[in-house]
PDB file of all heavy atoms in Angstrom:
ATOM      1  N   VAL A   1       0.851  -1.188   0.000  1.00  0.00           N
ATOM      2  CA  VAL A   1       0.000   0.000   0.000  1.00  0.00           C
ATOM      3  C   VAL A   1       0.885   1.234   0.000  1.00  0.00           C
ATOM      4  O   VAL A   1       1.809   1.346   0.808  1.00  0.00           O
ATOM      5  CB  VAL A   1      -0.934   0.016   1.224  1.00  0.00           C
ATOM      6  CG1 VAL A   1      -1.741   1.303   1.251  1.00  0.00           C
ATOM      7  CG2 VAL A   1      -1.860  -1.184   1.211  1.00  0.00           C
ATOM      8  N   ARG A   2       0.593   2.158  -0.914  1.00  0.00           N
ATOM      9  CA  ARG A   2       1.336   3.415  -0.996  1.00  0.00           C
ATOM     10  C   ARG A   2       0.634   4.457  -0.135  1.00  0.00           C
ATOM     11  O   ARG A   2      -0.572   4.641  -0.226  1.00  0.00           O
ATOM     12  CB  ARG A   2       1.423   3.910  -2.437  1.00  0.00           C
ATOM     13  CG  ARG A   2       2.231   2.988  -3.344  1.00  0.00           C
ATOM     14  CD  ARG A   2       2.201   3.479  -4.794  1.00  0.00           C
ATOM     15  NE  ARG A   2       2.979   4.705  -4.966  1.00  0.00           N
ATOM     16  CZ  ARG A   2       2.444   5.894  -5.209  1.00  0.00           C
ATOM     17  NH1 ARG A   2       1.140   6.048  -5.271  1.00  0.00           N
ATOM     18  NH2 ARG A   2       3.212   6.946  -5.397  1.00  0.00           N
ATOM     19  N   ASN A   3       1.401   5.158   0.672  1.00  0.00           N
ATOM     20  CA  ASN A   3       0.861   6.171   1.561  1.00  0.00           C
ATOM     21  C   ASN A   3       1.661   7.453   1.383  1.00  0.00           C
ATOM     22  O   ASN A   3       2.883   7.458   1.538  1.00  0.00           O
ATOM     23  CB  ASN A   3       0.939   5.694   3.018  1.00  0.00           C
ATOM     24  CG  ASN A   3       0.186   6.617   3.950  1.00  0.00           C
ATOM     25  OD1 ASN A   3      -0.688   7.361   3.528  1.00  0.00           O
ATOM     26  ND2 ASN A   3       0.527   6.562   5.222  1.00  0.00           N
ATOM     27  N   VAL A   4       0.983   8.542   1.032  1.00  0.00           N
ATOM     28  CA  VAL A   4       1.652   9.810   0.732  1.00  0.00           C
ATOM     29  C   VAL A   4       1.477  10.768   1.901  1.00  0.00           C
ATOM     30  O   VAL A   4       0.362  10.980   2.378  1.00  0.00           O
ATOM     31  CB  VAL A   4       1.087  10.437  -0.556  1.00  0.00           C
ATOM     32  CG1 VAL A   4       1.810  11.743  -0.867  1.00  0.00           C
ATOM     33  CG2 VAL A   4       1.207   9.470  -1.718  1.00  0.00           C
ATOM     34  N   GLN A   5       2.576  11.354   2.360  1.00  0.00           N
ATOM     35  CA  GLN A   5       2.543  12.309   3.460  1.00  0.00           C
ATOM     36  C   GLN A   5       3.345  13.554   3.109  1.00  0.00           C
ATOM     37  O   GLN A   5       4.246  13.517   2.266  1.00  0.00           O
ATOM     38  CB  GLN A   5       3.126  11.687   4.732  1.00  0.00           C
ATOM     39  CG  GLN A   5       2.325  10.518   5.275  1.00  0.00           C
ATOM     40  CD  GLN A   5       2.932   9.960   6.547  1.00  0.00           C
ATOM     41  OE1 GLN A   5       4.051  10.306   6.906  1.00  0.00           O
ATOM     42  NE2 GLN A   5       2.194   9.087   7.216  1.00  0.00           N
ATOM     43  N   VAL A   6       2.994  14.661   3.775  1.00  0.00           N
ATOM     44  CA  VAL A   6       3.751  15.905   3.606  1.00  0.00           C
ATOM     45  C   VAL A   6       5.148  15.714   4.179  1.00  0.00           C
ATOM     46  O   VAL A   6       5.327  15.120   5.246  1.00  0.00           O
ATOM     47  CB  VAL A   6       3.037  17.072   4.308  1.00  0.00           C
ATOM     48  CG1 VAL A   6       3.891  18.341   4.240  1.00  0.00           C
ATOM     49  CG2 VAL A   6       1.680  17.332   3.672  1.00  0.00           C
ATOM     50  N   CYS A   7       6.122  16.198   3.463  1.00  0.00           N
ATOM     51  CA  CYS A   7       7.515  16.050   3.894  1.00  0.00           C
ATOM     52  C   CYS A   7       7.706  16.736   5.245  1.00  0.00           C
ATOM     53  O   CYS A   7       7.404  17.933   5.391  1.00  0.00           O
ATOM     54  CB  CYS A   7       8.464  16.656   2.867  1.00  0.00           C
ATOM     55  SG  CYS A   7      10.203  16.607   3.367  1.00  0.00           S
ATOM     56  N   PRO A   8       8.214  16.032   6.256  1.00  0.00           N
ATOM     57  CA  PRO A   8       8.378  16.628   7.586  1.00  0.00           C
ATOM     58  C   PRO A   8       9.528  17.631   7.668  1.00  0.00           C
ATOM     59  O   PRO A   8       9.577  18.442   8.589  1.00  0.00           O
ATOM     60  CB  PRO A   8       8.650  15.413   8.480  1.00  0.00           C
ATOM     61  CG  PRO A   8       9.263  14.400   7.570  1.00  0.00           C
ATOM     62  CD  PRO A   8       8.616  14.614   6.231  1.00  0.00           C
ATOM     63  N   ASP A   9      10.456  17.571   6.711  1.00  0.00           N
ATOM     64  CA  ASP A   9      11.614  18.472   6.759  1.00  0.00           C
ATOM     65  C   ASP A   9      11.312  19.841   6.161  1.00  0.00           C
ATOM     66  O   ASP A   9      11.667  20.875   6.732  1.00  0.00           O
ATOM     67  CB  ASP A   9      12.802  17.843   6.036  1.00  0.00           C
ATOM     68  CG  ASP A   9      13.377  16.653   6.796  1.00  0.00           C
ATOM     69  OD1 ASP A   9      12.843  16.339   7.882  1.00  0.00           O
ATOM     70  OD2 ASP A   9      14.338  16.030   6.303  1.00  0.00           O
ATOM     71  N   CYS A  10      10.668  19.849   5.000  1.00  0.00           N
ATOM     72  CA  CYS A  10      10.396  21.123   4.321  1.00  0.00           C
ATOM     73  C   CYS A  10       8.952  21.566   4.473  1.00  0.00           C
ATOM     74  O   CYS A  10       8.569  22.627   3.971  1.00  0.00           O
ATOM     75  CB  CYS A  10      10.752  21.030   2.844  1.00  0.00           C
ATOM     76  SG  CYS A  10       9.693  19.904   1.896  1.00  0.00           S
ATOM     77  N   HIS A  11       8.149  20.725   5.129  1.00  0.00           N
ATOM     78  CA  HIS A  11       6.734  21.040   5.376  1.00  0.00           C
ATOM     79  C   HIS A  11       5.963  21.308   4.091  1.00  0.00           C
ATOM     80  O   HIS A  11       5.079  22.167   4.031  1.00  0.00           O
ATOM     81  CB  HIS A  11       6.604  22.239   6.318  1.00  0.00           C
ATOM     82  CG  HIS A  11       7.338  22.070   7.613  1.00  0.00           C
ATOM     83  ND1 HIS A  11       6.946  21.174   8.593  1.00  0.00           N
ATOM     84  CD2 HIS A  11       8.483  22.652   8.068  1.00  0.00           C
ATOM     85  CE1 HIS A  11       7.792  21.229   9.603  1.00  0.00           C
ATOM     86  NE2 HIS A  11       8.739  22.117   9.316  1.00  0.00           N
ATOM     87  N   GLY A  12       6.326  20.576   3.046  1.00  0.00           N
ATOM     88  CA  GLY A  12       5.578  20.661   1.795  1.00  0.00           C
ATOM     89  C   GLY A  12       6.064  21.719   0.831  1.00  0.00           C
ATOM     90  O   GLY A  12       5.551  21.817  -0.283  1.00  0.00           O
ATOM     91  N   THR A  13       7.060  22.524   1.218  1.00  0.00           N
ATOM     92  CA  THR A  13       7.536  23.589   0.322  1.00  0.00           C
ATOM     93  C   THR A  13       8.526  23.078  -0.714  1.00  0.00           C
ATOM     94  O   THR A  13       8.710  23.695  -1.765  1.00  0.00           O
ATOM     95  CB  THR A  13       8.214  24.709   1.126  1.00  0.00           C
ATOM     96  OG1 THR A  13       9.375  24.187   1.779  1.00  0.00           O
ATOM     97  CG2 THR A  13       7.252  25.269   2.177  1.00  0.00           C
ATOM     98  N   GLY A  14       9.195  21.963  -0.419  1.00  0.00           N
ATOM     99  CA  GLY A  14      10.210  21.432  -1.336  1.00  0.00           C
ATOM    100  C   GLY A  14      11.552  22.123  -1.212  1.00  0.00           C
ATOM    101  O   GLY A  14      12.489  21.799  -1.949  1.00  0.00           O
ATOM    102  N   LYS A  15      11.664  23.083  -0.283  1.00  0.00           N
ATOM    103  CA  LYS A  15      12.911  23.838  -0.118  1.00  0.00           C
ATOM    104  C   LYS A  15      13.381  23.788   1.333  1.00  0.00           C
ATOM    105  O   LYS A  15      12.560  23.744   2.259  1.00  0.00           O
ATOM    106  CB  LYS A  15      12.715  25.305  -0.529  1.00  0.00           C
ATOM    107  CG  LYS A  15      12.323  25.499  -1.989  1.00  0.00           C
ATOM    108  CD  LYS A  15      13.455  25.173  -2.935  1.00  0.00           C
ATOM    109  CE  LYS A  15      13.075  25.473  -4.381  1.00  0.00           C
ATOM    110  NZ  LYS A  15      14.190  25.142  -5.314  1.00  0.00           N
ATOM    111  N   ILE A  16      14.683  23.816   1.515  1.00  0.00           N
ATOM    112  CA  ILE A  16      15.290  23.845   2.837  1.00  0.00           C
ATOM    113  C   ILE A  16      16.190  25.073   2.932  1.00  0.00           C
ATOM    114  O   ILE A  16      16.958  25.365   2.004  1.00  0.00           O
ATOM    115  CB  ILE A  16      16.125  22.578   3.106  1.00  0.00           C
ATOM    116  CG1 ILE A  16      15.218  21.357   3.183  1.00  0.00           C
ATOM    117  CG2 ILE A  16      16.936  22.710   4.384  1.00  0.00           C
ATOM    118  CD1 ILE A  16      14.322  21.338   4.401  1.00  0.00           C
ATOM    119  N   ILE A  17      16.072  25.804   4.052  1.00  0.00           N
ATOM    120  CA  ILE A  17      16.926  26.981   4.275  1.00  0.00           C
ATOM    121  C   ILE A  17      18.046  26.576   5.228  1.00  0.00           C
ATOM    122  O   ILE A  17      17.805  26.314   6.410  1.00  0.00           O
ATOM    123  CB  ILE A  17      16.112  28.145   4.853  1.00  0.00           C
ATOM    124  CG1 ILE A  17      14.969  28.527   3.900  1.00  0.00           C
ATOM    125  CG2 ILE A  17      17.014  29.345   5.122  1.00  0.00           C
ATOM    126  CD1 ILE A  17      14.046  29.590   4.449  1.00  0.00           C
ATOM    127  N   LYS A  18      19.259  26.516   4.721  1.00  0.00           N
ATOM    128  CA  LYS A  18      20.407  26.139   5.558  1.00  0.00           C
ATOM    129  C   LYS A  18      20.912  27.318   6.379  1.00  0.00           C
ATOM    130  O   LYS A  18      21.141  27.210   7.575  1.00  0.00           O
ATOM    131  CB  LYS A  18      21.526  25.582   4.681  1.00  0.00           C
ATOM    132  CG  LYS A  18      21.203  24.211   4.081  1.00  0.00           C
ATOM    133  CD  LYS A  18      22.415  23.654   3.353  1.00  0.00           C
ATOM    134  CE  LYS A  18      22.143  22.243   2.847  1.00  0.00           C
ATOM    135  NZ  LYS A  18      23.327  21.654   2.157  1.00  0.00           N
ATOM    136  N   ASP A  19      21.128  28.456   5.724  1.00  0.00           N
ATOM    137  CA  ASP A  19      21.591  29.661   6.415  1.00  0.00           C
ATOM    138  C   ASP A  19      20.432  30.654   6.483  1.00  0.00           C
ATOM    139  O   ASP A  19      20.089  31.307   5.486  1.00  0.00           O
ATOM    140  CB  ASP A  19      22.774  30.285   5.682  1.00  0.00           C
ATOM    141  CG  ASP A  19      23.986  29.366   5.667  1.00  0.00           C
ATOM    142  OD1 ASP A  19      24.235  28.710   6.693  1.00  0.00           O
ATOM    143  OD2 ASP A  19      24.669  29.294   4.611  1.00  0.00           O
ATOM    144  N   LYS A  20      19.821  30.769   7.659  1.00  0.00           N
ATOM    145  CA  LYS A  20      18.643  31.619   7.806  1.00  0.00           C
ATOM    146  C   LYS A  20      19.010  33.091   7.896  1.00  0.00           C
ATOM    147  O   LYS A  20      20.063  33.452   8.426  1.00  0.00           O
ATOM    148  CB  LYS A  20      17.850  31.205   9.048  1.00  0.00           C
ATOM    149  CG  LYS A  20      17.271  29.807   8.977  1.00  0.00           C
ATOM    150  CD  LYS A  20      16.459  29.487  10.216  1.00  0.00           C
ATOM    151  CE  LYS A  20      15.854  28.097  10.129  1.00  0.00           C
ATOM    152  NZ  LYS A  20      15.048  27.762  11.322  1.00  0.00           N
ATOM    153  N   CYS A  21      18.123  33.906   7.371  1.00  0.00           N
ATOM    154  CA  CYS A  21      18.299  35.355   7.446  1.00  0.00           C
ATOM    155  C   CYS A  21      18.258  35.785   8.907  1.00  0.00           C
ATOM    156  O   CYS A  21      17.311  35.438   9.625  1.00  0.00           O
ATOM    157  CB  CYS A  21      17.203  36.054   6.653  1.00  0.00           C
ATOM    158  SG  CYS A  21      17.172  37.847   6.835  1.00  0.00           S
ATOM    159  N   PRO A  22      19.243  36.538   9.395  1.00  0.00           N
ATOM    160  CA  PRO A  22      19.263  36.932  10.814  1.00  0.00           C
ATOM    161  C   PRO A  22      18.166  37.932  11.175  1.00  0.00           C
ATOM    162  O   PRO A  22      17.775  38.027  12.333  1.00  0.00           O
ATOM    163  CB  PRO A  22      20.654  37.554  10.982  1.00  0.00           C
ATOM    164  CG  PRO A  22      21.037  38.021   9.609  1.00  0.00           C
ATOM    165  CD  PRO A  22      20.420  37.032   8.664  1.00  0.00           C
ATOM    166  N   ASP A  23      17.672  38.680  10.191  1.00  0.00           N
ATOM    167  CA  ASP A  23      16.664  39.692  10.484  1.00  0.00           C
ATOM    168  C   ASP A  23      15.282  39.078  10.708  1.00  0.00           C
ATOM    169  O   ASP A  23      14.542  39.472  11.609  1.00  0.00           O
ATOM    170  CB  ASP A  23      16.601  40.723   9.357  1.00  0.00           C
ATOM    171  CG  ASP A  23      17.875  41.545   9.259  1.00  0.00           C
ATOM    172  OD1 ASP A  23      18.599  41.622  10.281  1.00  0.00           O
ATOM    173  OD2 ASP A  23      18.163  42.099   8.184  1.00  0.00           O
ATOM    174  N   CYS A  24      14.916  38.120   9.873  1.00  0.00           N
ATOM    175  CA  CYS A  24      13.575  37.514   9.979  1.00  0.00           C
ATOM    176  C   CYS A  24      13.629  36.099  10.531  1.00  0.00           C
ATOM    177  O   CYS A  24      12.591  35.443  10.641  1.00  0.00           O
ATOM    178  CB  CYS A  24      12.876  37.516   8.627  1.00  0.00           C
ATOM    179  SG  CYS A  24      13.678  36.457   7.386  1.00  0.00           S
ATOM    180  N   ARG A  25      14.850  35.597  10.838  1.00  0.00           N
ATOM    181  CA  ARG A  25      15.052  34.273  11.397  1.00  0.00           C
ATOM    182  C   ARG A  25      14.515  33.167  10.477  1.00  0.00           C
ATOM    183  O   ARG A  25      13.964  32.170  10.930  1.00  0.00           O
ATOM    184  CB  ARG A  25      14.423  34.161  12.776  1.00  0.00           C
ATOM    185  CG  ARG A  25      15.021  35.106  13.791  1.00  0.00           C
ATOM    186  CD  ARG A  25      14.374  34.977  15.138  1.00  0.00           C
ATOM    187  NE  ARG A  25      14.960  35.924  16.096  1.00  0.00           N
ATOM    188  CZ  ARG A  25      14.562  36.037  17.373  1.00  0.00           C
ATOM    189  NH1 ARG A  25      13.585  35.253  17.825  1.00  0.00           N
ATOM    190  NH2 ARG A  25      15.131  36.912  18.164  1.00  0.00           N
ATOM    191  N   GLY A  26      14.635  33.407   9.210  1.00  0.00           N
ATOM    192  CA  GLY A  26      14.265  32.390   8.240  1.00  0.00           C
ATOM    193  C   GLY A  26      12.803  32.376   7.853  1.00  0.00           C
ATOM    194  O   GLY A  26      12.384  31.585   7.004  1.00  0.00           O
ATOM    195  N   THR A  27      11.982  33.265   8.426  1.00  0.00           N
ATOM    196  CA  THR A  27      10.551  33.269   8.093  1.00  0.00           C
ATOM    197  C   THR A  27      10.266  34.013   6.795  1.00  0.00           C
ATOM    198  O   THR A  27       9.272  33.754   6.125  1.00  0.00           O
ATOM    199  CB  THR A  27       9.729  33.919   9.217  1.00  0.00           C
ATOM    200  OG1 THR A  27      10.099  35.289   9.361  1.00  0.00           O
ATOM    201  CG2 THR A  27       9.964  33.186  10.531  1.00  0.00           C
ATOM    202  N   GLY A  28      11.151  34.964   6.450  1.00  0.00           N
ATOM    203  CA  GLY A  28      10.939  35.764   5.247  1.00  0.00           C
ATOM    204  C   GLY A  28      10.094  36.996   5.494  1.00  0.00           C
ATOM    205  O   GLY A  28       9.868  37.783   4.571  1.00  0.00           O
ATOM    206  N   TYR A  29       9.621  37.185   6.759  1.00  0.00           N
ATOM    207  CA  TYR A  29       8.725  38.303   7.050  1.00  0.00           C
ATOM    208  C   TYR A  29       9.068  38.941   8.394  1.00  0.00           C
ATOM    209  O   TYR A  29       9.579  38.289   9.304  1.00  0.00           O
ATOM    210  CB  TYR A  29       7.274  37.833   7.067  1.00  0.00           C
ATOM    211  CG  TYR A  29       6.823  37.299   5.733  1.00  0.00           C
ATOM    212  CD1 TYR A  29       6.923  35.935   5.453  1.00  0.00           C
ATOM    213  CD2 TYR A  29       6.333  38.141   4.759  1.00  0.00           C
ATOM    214  CE1 TYR A  29       6.535  35.439   4.219  1.00  0.00           C
ATOM    215  CE2 TYR A  29       5.934  37.655   3.523  1.00  0.00           C
ATOM    216  CZ  TYR A  29       6.036  36.304   3.258  1.00  0.00           C
ATOM    217  OH  TYR A  29       5.668  35.817   2.034  1.00  0.00           O
ATOM    218  N   ILE A  30       8.764  40.238   8.504  1.00  0.00           N
ATOM    219  CA  ILE A  30       9.000  41.004   9.718  1.00  0.00           C
ATOM    220  C   ILE A  30       7.653  41.509  10.237  1.00  0.00           C
ATOM    221  O   ILE A  30       6.903  42.146   9.484  1.00  0.00           O
ATOM    222  CB  ILE A  30       9.923  42.213   9.457  1.00  0.00           C
ATOM    223  CG1 ILE A  30      11.266  41.747   8.882  1.00  0.00           C
ATOM    224  CG2 ILE A  30      10.124  43.007  10.740  1.00  0.00           C
ATOM    225  CD1 ILE A  30      12.098  40.951   9.851  1.00  0.00           C
ATOM    226  N   PRO A  31       7.297  41.241  11.515  1.00  0.00           N
ATOM    227  CA  PRO A  31       6.030  41.750  12.060  1.00  0.00           C
ATOM    228  C   PRO A  31       6.049  43.276  12.154  1.00  0.00           C
ATOM    229  O   PRO A  31       7.007  43.865  12.659  1.00  0.00           O
ATOM    230  CB  PRO A  31       5.955  41.104  13.454  1.00  0.00           C
ATOM    231  CG  PRO A  31       6.915  39.956  13.413  1.00  0.00           C
ATOM    232  CD  PRO A  31       8.001  40.374  12.475  1.00  0.00           C
ATOM    233  N   MET A  32       4.987  43.902  11.680  1.00  0.00           N
ATOM    234  CA  MET A  32       4.867  45.354  11.706  1.00  0.00           C
ATOM    235  C   MET A  32       3.453  45.737  12.126  1.00  0.00           C
ATOM    236  O   MET A  32       2.481  45.151  11.651  1.00  0.00           O
ATOM    237  CB  MET A  32       5.172  45.944  10.328  1.00  0.00           C
ATOM    238  CG  MET A  32       6.588  45.671   9.822  1.00  0.00           C
ATOM    239  SD  MET A  32       7.835  46.635  10.706  1.00  0.00           S
ATOM    240  CE  MET A  32       7.457  48.284  10.096  1.00  0.00           C
ATOM    241  N   LYS A  33       3.344  46.728  13.033  1.00  0.00           N
ATOM    242  CA  LYS A  33       2.034  47.228  13.436  1.00  0.00           C
ATOM    243  C   LYS A  33       1.592  48.334  12.490  1.00  0.00           C
ATOM    244  O   LYS A  33       2.332  49.293  12.255  1.00  0.00           O
ATOM    245  CB  LYS A  33       2.073  47.745  14.875  1.00  0.00           C
ATOM    246  CG  LYS A  33       2.198  46.655  15.923  1.00  0.00           C
ATOM    247  CD  LYS A  33       2.094  47.225  17.332  1.00  0.00           C
ATOM    248  CE  LYS A  33       2.156  46.116  18.379  1.00  0.00           C
ATOM    249  NZ  LYS A  33       2.032  46.664  19.755  1.00  0.00           N
TER     250      LYS A  33
END
């Protein structure tokens, strides 16, 4: 039986960030009010 699951490492994005941006900590976004 074949069972398909979301990749636990990349969470479905297909990409891995090795060196994270220090400003956004790898999220790609900065919280702003």
